[in-house]
Protein backbone atom coordinates (compact mmCIF):
# COMPACT_ATOMS: atom_id res chain seq x y z
CA UNK A 1 0.00 0.00 0.00
CA UNK A 2 2.84 2.39 0.82
CA UNK A 3 4.44 1.65 -2.55
CA UNK A 4 1.21 2.49 -4.43
CA UNK A 5 0.84 5.74 -2.47
CA UNK A 6 4.45 6.65 -3.26
CA UNK A 7 3.91 6.02 -6.98
CA UNK A 8 0.74 8.15 -7.01
CA UNK A 9 2.56 10.92 -5.13
CA UNK A 10 5.50 10.80 -7.55
CA UNK A 11 3.24 10.96 -10.61
CA UNK A 12 1.28 13.86 -9.07
CA UNK A 13 4.51 15.76 -8.40
CA UNK A 14 5.66 15.27 -12.00
CA UNK A 15 2.35 16.60 -13.36
CA UNK A 16 2.37 19.60 -11.03
CA UNK A 17 5.99 20.43 -11.86
CA UNK A 18 5.33 20.04 -15.58
CA UNK A 19 2.32 22.32 -15.52
CA UNK A 20 4.24 25.10 -13.80
CA UNK A 21 7.08 25.08 -16.33
CA UNK A 22 5.10 25.54 -19.51
CA UNK A 23 6.90 28.13 -21.60
CA UNK A 24 5.65 29.96 -24.65
CA UNK A 25 7.33 29.18 -27.94
CA UNK A 26 10.30 31.43 -28.66
CA UNK A 27 9.88 34.16 -31.23
CA UNK A 28 11.70 37.16 -32.63
CA UNK A 29 10.88 40.14 -34.80
CA UNK A 30 12.81 40.69 -37.99
CA UNK A 31 12.99 42.55 -41.27
CA UNK A 32 12.72 40.55 -44.50
CA UNK A 33 15.82 40.96 -46.68
CA UNK A 34 14.97 38.50 -49.47
CA UNK A 35 12.01 36.29 -50.36
CA UNK A 36 12.56 32.80 -51.79
CA UNK A 37 10.10 30.12 -52.90
CA UNK A 38 9.85 28.31 -49.52
CA UNK A 39 11.80 30.60 -47.19
CA UNK A 40 12.79 34.16 -46.40
CA UNK A 41 16.10 35.71 -45.42
CA UNK A 42 15.62 37.98 -42.40
CA UNK A 43 17.60 40.25 -40.11
CA UNK A 44 16.41 40.29 -36.46
CA UNK A 45 15.47 43.61 -34.89
CA UNK A 46 18.18 45.18 -32.74
CA UNK A 47 18.11 43.72 -29.23
CA UNK A 48 16.58 40.36 -30.17
CA UNK A 49 18.00 37.37 -28.26
CA UNK A 50 18.78 35.54 -31.52
CA UNK A 51 21.33 38.15 -32.65
CA UNK A 52 24.29 36.51 -30.84
CA UNK A 53 23.64 33.38 -32.95
CA UNK A 54 23.74 35.24 -36.28
CA UNK A 55 22.81 38.54 -37.88
CA UNK A 56 20.82 36.85 -40.65
CA UNK A 57 18.50 33.84 -40.69
CA UNK A 58 16.88 31.77 -43.41
CA UNK A 59 13.37 31.06 -42.12
CA UNK A 60 11.26 28.22 -43.55
CA UNK A 61 7.85 29.51 -44.67
CA UNK A 62 6.23 26.05 -44.56
CA UNK A 63 4.72 26.72 -41.12
CA UNK A 64 3.23 24.15 -38.74
CA UNK A 65 0.31 26.44 -37.82
CA UNK A 66 -2.97 26.61 -39.68
CA UNK A 67 -2.48 30.40 -39.88
CA UNK A 68 -1.71 31.53 -43.38
CA UNK A 69 1.75 32.94 -44.02
CA UNK A 70 1.40 36.64 -44.87
CA UNK A 71 2.55 38.11 -48.17
CA UNK A 72 6.12 39.31 -47.71
CA UNK A 73 8.53 41.40 -49.71
CA UNK A 74 11.85 43.06 -49.01
CA UNK A 75 11.41 45.42 -46.05
CA UNK A 76 8.36 43.65 -44.54
CA UNK A 77 8.62 43.34 -40.76
CA UNK A 78 7.54 40.00 -39.28
CA UNK A 79 7.41 37.93 -36.10
CA UNK A 80 8.77 34.39 -36.40
CA UNK A 81 7.44 31.86 -33.86
CA UNK A 82 9.61 28.74 -33.87
CA UNK A 83 10.65 25.71 -31.81
CA UNK A 84 13.87 27.23 -30.46
CA UNK A 85 16.26 25.29 -32.70
CA UNK A 86 18.70 27.32 -34.77
CA UNK A 87 20.91 25.49 -37.28
CA UNK A 88 24.44 26.83 -37.03
CA UNK A 89 25.38 27.92 -40.51
CA UNK A 90 25.65 31.26 -42.24
CA UNK A 91 23.12 32.52 -42.57
CA UNK A 92 21.65 30.62 -39.64
CA UNK A 93 18.59 28.49 -40.38
CA UNK A 94 15.26 28.07 -38.65
CA UNK A 95 13.48 25.05 -40.06
CA UNK A 96 10.60 24.37 -37.65
CA UNK A 97 8.42 27.46 -37.77
CA UNK A 98 5.07 27.48 -36.02
CA UNK A 99 3.79 30.81 -37.39
CA UNK A 100 4.78 34.04 -39.10
CA UNK A 101 2.91 37.28 -38.35
CA UNK A 102 3.20 40.81 -39.67
CA UNK A 103 4.44 43.42 -37.18
CA UNK A 104 4.92 47.16 -37.31
CA UNK A 105 8.29 48.88 -36.97
CA UNK A 106 7.94 48.83 -33.17
CA UNK A 107 7.38 45.04 -33.18
CA UNK A 108 3.66 45.16 -32.38
CA UNK A 109 1.44 42.63 -34.15
CA UNK A 110 -0.62 44.00 -37.01
CA UNK A 111 -4.22 42.81 -36.94
CA UNK A 112 -5.29 41.54 -40.34
CA UNK A 113 -8.62 42.93 -41.49
CA UNK A 114 -10.93 40.54 -43.29
C-alpha atoms as a PDB file:
ATOM      1  CA  UNK A   1       0.000   0.000   0.000  1.00  0.00           C
ATOM      2  CA  UNK A   2       2.844   2.391   0.818  1.00  0.00           C
ATOM      3  CA  UNK A   3       4.440   1.646  -2.550  1.00  0.00           C
ATOM      4  CA  UNK A   4       1.209   2.491  -4.435  1.00  0.00           C
ATOM      5  CA  UNK A   5       0.840   5.738  -2.474  1.00  0.00           C
ATOM      6  CA  UNK A   6       4.452   6.653  -3.259  1.00  0.00           C
ATOM      7  CA  UNK A   7       3.914   6.024  -6.985  1.00  0.00           C
ATOM      8  CA  UNK A   8       0.737   8.148  -7.013  1.00  0.00           C
ATOM      9  CA  UNK A   9       2.556  10.922  -5.134  1.00  0.00           C
ATOM     10  CA  UNK A  10       5.495  10.801  -7.551  1.00  0.00           C
ATOM     11  CA  UNK A  11       3.240  10.962 -10.606  1.00  0.00           C
ATOM     12  CA  UNK A  12       1.284  13.856  -9.067  1.00  0.00           C
ATOM     13  CA  UNK A  13       4.505  15.763  -8.399  1.00  0.00           C
ATOM     14  CA  UNK A  14       5.657  15.271 -12.000  1.00  0.00           C
ATOM     15  CA  UNK A  15       2.346  16.603 -13.357  1.00  0.00           C
ATOM     16  CA  UNK A  16       2.373  19.597 -11.026  1.00  0.00           C
ATOM     17  CA  UNK A  17       5.989  20.433 -11.856  1.00  0.00           C
ATOM     18  CA  UNK A  18       5.332  20.038 -15.575  1.00  0.00           C
ATOM     19  CA  UNK A  19       2.317  22.325 -15.518  1.00  0.00           C
ATOM     20  CA  UNK A  20       4.238  25.098 -13.795  1.00  0.00           C
ATOM     21  CA  UNK A  21       7.083  25.079 -16.325  1.00  0.00           C
ATOM     22  CA  UNK A  22       5.103  25.542 -19.510  1.00  0.00           C
ATOM     23  CA  UNK A  23       6.895  28.134 -21.602  1.00  0.00           C
ATOM     24  CA  UNK A  24       5.649  29.964 -24.648  1.00  0.00           C
ATOM     25  CA  UNK A  25       7.330  29.178 -27.940  1.00  0.00           C
ATOM     26  CA  UNK A  26      10.302  31.433 -28.660  1.00  0.00           C
ATOM     27  CA  UNK A  27       9.882  34.159 -31.229  1.00  0.00           C
ATOM     28  CA  UNK A  28      11.696  37.155 -32.632  1.00  0.00           C
ATOM     29  CA  UNK A  29      10.878  40.141 -34.799  1.00  0.00           C
ATOM     30  CA  UNK A  30      12.809  40.688 -37.994  1.00  0.00           C
ATOM     31  CA  UNK A  31      12.990  42.553 -41.271  1.00  0.00           C
ATOM     32  CA  UNK A  32      12.719  40.552 -44.500  1.00  0.00           C
ATOM     33  CA  UNK A  33      15.821  40.960 -46.677  1.00  0.00           C
ATOM     34  CA  UNK A  34      14.972  38.500 -49.472  1.00  0.00           C
ATOM     35  CA  UNK A  35      12.013  36.291 -50.361  1.00  0.00           C
ATOM     36  CA  UNK A  36      12.562  32.800 -51.787  1.00  0.00           C
ATOM     37  CA  UNK A  37      10.100  30.120 -52.901  1.00  0.00           C
ATOM     38  CA  UNK A  38       9.855  28.315 -49.517  1.00  0.00           C
ATOM     39  CA  UNK A  39      11.802  30.597 -47.186  1.00  0.00           C
ATOM     40  CA  UNK A  40      12.789  34.161 -46.403  1.00  0.00           C
ATOM     41  CA  UNK A  41      16.104  35.708 -45.416  1.00  0.00           C
ATOM     42  CA  UNK A  42      15.621  37.975 -42.404  1.00  0.00           C
ATOM     43  CA  UNK A  43      17.601  40.246 -40.110  1.00  0.00           C
ATOM     44  CA  UNK A  44      16.412  40.291 -36.463  1.00  0.00           C
ATOM     45  CA  UNK A  45      15.466  43.615 -34.886  1.00  0.00           C
ATOM     46  CA  UNK A  46      18.179  45.178 -32.738  1.00  0.00           C
ATOM     47  CA  UNK A  47      18.105  43.722 -29.228  1.00  0.00           C
ATOM     48  CA  UNK A  48      16.575  40.358 -30.172  1.00  0.00           C
ATOM     49  CA  UNK A  49      18.001  37.373 -28.257  1.00  0.00           C
ATOM     50  CA  UNK A  50      18.779  35.538 -31.518  1.00  0.00           C
ATOM     51  CA  UNK A  51      21.333  38.149 -32.652  1.00  0.00           C
ATOM     52  CA  UNK A  52      24.293  36.510 -30.840  1.00  0.00           C
ATOM     53  CA  UNK A  53      23.637  33.383 -32.954  1.00  0.00           C
ATOM     54  CA  UNK A  54      23.739  35.244 -36.281  1.00  0.00           C
ATOM     55  CA  UNK A  55      22.809  38.544 -37.877  1.00  0.00           C
ATOM     56  CA  UNK A  56      20.819  36.849 -40.646  1.00  0.00           C
ATOM     57  CA  UNK A  57      18.498  33.838 -40.688  1.00  0.00           C
ATOM     58  CA  UNK A  58      16.882  31.775 -43.415  1.00  0.00           C
ATOM     59  CA  UNK A  59      13.375  31.058 -42.123  1.00  0.00           C
ATOM     60  CA  UNK A  60      11.263  28.222 -43.548  1.00  0.00           C
ATOM     61  CA  UNK A  61       7.846  29.507 -44.669  1.00  0.00           C
ATOM     62  CA  UNK A  62       6.231  26.050 -44.562  1.00  0.00           C
ATOM     63  CA  UNK A  63       4.723  26.721 -41.123  1.00  0.00           C
ATOM     64  CA  UNK A  64       3.234  24.155 -38.737  1.00  0.00           C
ATOM     65  CA  UNK A  65       0.306  26.440 -37.820  1.00  0.00           C
ATOM     66  CA  UNK A  66      -2.972  26.612 -39.685  1.00  0.00           C
ATOM     67  CA  UNK A  67      -2.482  30.397 -39.885  1.00  0.00           C
ATOM     68  CA  UNK A  68      -1.712  31.532 -43.383  1.00  0.00           C
ATOM     69  CA  UNK A  69       1.754  32.944 -44.019  1.00  0.00           C
ATOM     70  CA  UNK A  70       1.398  36.642 -44.873  1.00  0.00           C
ATOM     71  CA  UNK A  71       2.548  38.111 -48.168  1.00  0.00           C
ATOM     72  CA  UNK A  72       6.119  39.313 -47.706  1.00  0.00           C
ATOM     73  CA  UNK A  73       8.534  41.396 -49.706  1.00  0.00           C
ATOM     74  CA  UNK A  74      11.854  43.062 -49.007  1.00  0.00           C
ATOM     75  CA  UNK A  75      11.407  45.415 -46.049  1.00  0.00           C
ATOM     76  CA  UNK A  76       8.363  43.645 -44.543  1.00  0.00           C
ATOM     77  CA  UNK A  77       8.624  43.337 -40.755  1.00  0.00           C
ATOM     78  CA  UNK A  78       7.535  40.002 -39.279  1.00  0.00           C
ATOM     79  CA  UNK A  79       7.409  37.926 -36.096  1.00  0.00           C
ATOM     80  CA  UNK A  80       8.770  34.386 -36.400  1.00  0.00           C
ATOM     81  CA  UNK A  81       7.443  31.860 -33.855  1.00  0.00           C
ATOM     82  CA  UNK A  82       9.608  28.738 -33.872  1.00  0.00           C
ATOM     83  CA  UNK A  83      10.647  25.707 -31.809  1.00  0.00           C
ATOM     84  CA  UNK A  84      13.873  27.227 -30.456  1.00  0.00           C
ATOM     85  CA  UNK A  85      16.264  25.288 -32.696  1.00  0.00           C
ATOM     86  CA  UNK A  86      18.704  27.322 -34.775  1.00  0.00           C
ATOM     87  CA  UNK A  87      20.908  25.487 -37.278  1.00  0.00           C
ATOM     88  CA  UNK A  88      24.438  26.827 -37.027  1.00  0.00           C
ATOM     89  CA  UNK A  89      25.383  27.923 -40.509  1.00  0.00           C
ATOM     90  CA  UNK A  90      25.650  31.257 -42.244  1.00  0.00           C
ATOM     91  CA  UNK A  91      23.124  32.522 -42.569  1.00  0.00           C
ATOM     92  CA  UNK A  92      21.654  30.617 -39.642  1.00  0.00           C
ATOM     93  CA  UNK A  93      18.585  28.489 -40.382  1.00  0.00           C
ATOM     94  CA  UNK A  94      15.260  28.065 -38.645  1.00  0.00           C
ATOM     95  CA  UNK A  95      13.485  25.049 -40.061  1.00  0.00           C
ATOM     96  CA  UNK A  96      10.599  24.373 -37.653  1.00  0.00           C
ATOM     97  CA  UNK A  97       8.422  27.464 -37.768  1.00  0.00           C
ATOM     98  CA  UNK A  98       5.065  27.484 -36.020  1.00  0.00           C
ATOM     99  CA  UNK A  99       3.789  30.806 -37.387  1.00  0.00           C
ATOM    100  CA  UNK A 100       4.781  34.039 -39.096  1.00  0.00           C
ATOM    101  CA  UNK A 101       2.914  37.275 -38.345  1.00  0.00           C
ATOM    102  CA  UNK A 102       3.198  40.808 -39.669  1.00  0.00           C
ATOM    103  CA  UNK A 103       4.439  43.417 -37.175  1.00  0.00           C
ATOM    104  CA  UNK A 104       4.920  47.164 -37.314  1.00  0.00           C
ATOM    105  CA  UNK A 105       8.293  48.883 -36.974  1.00  0.00           C
ATOM    106  CA  UNK A 106       7.938  48.829 -33.166  1.00  0.00           C
ATOM    107  CA  UNK A 107       7.380  45.045 -33.175  1.00  0.00           C
ATOM    108  CA  UNK A 108       3.664  45.162 -32.382  1.00  0.00           C
ATOM    109  CA  UNK A 109       1.440  42.627 -34.149  1.00  0.00           C
ATOM    110  CA  UNK A 110      -0.616  44.003 -37.009  1.00  0.00           C
ATOM    111  CA  UNK A 111      -4.220  42.807 -36.942  1.00  0.00           C
ATOM    112  CA  UNK A 112      -5.290  41.537 -40.337  1.00  0.00           C
ATOM    113  CA  UNK A 113      -8.622  42.935 -41.485  1.00  0.00           C
ATOM    114  CA  UNK A 114     -10.933  40.542 -43.289  1.00  0.00           C
END
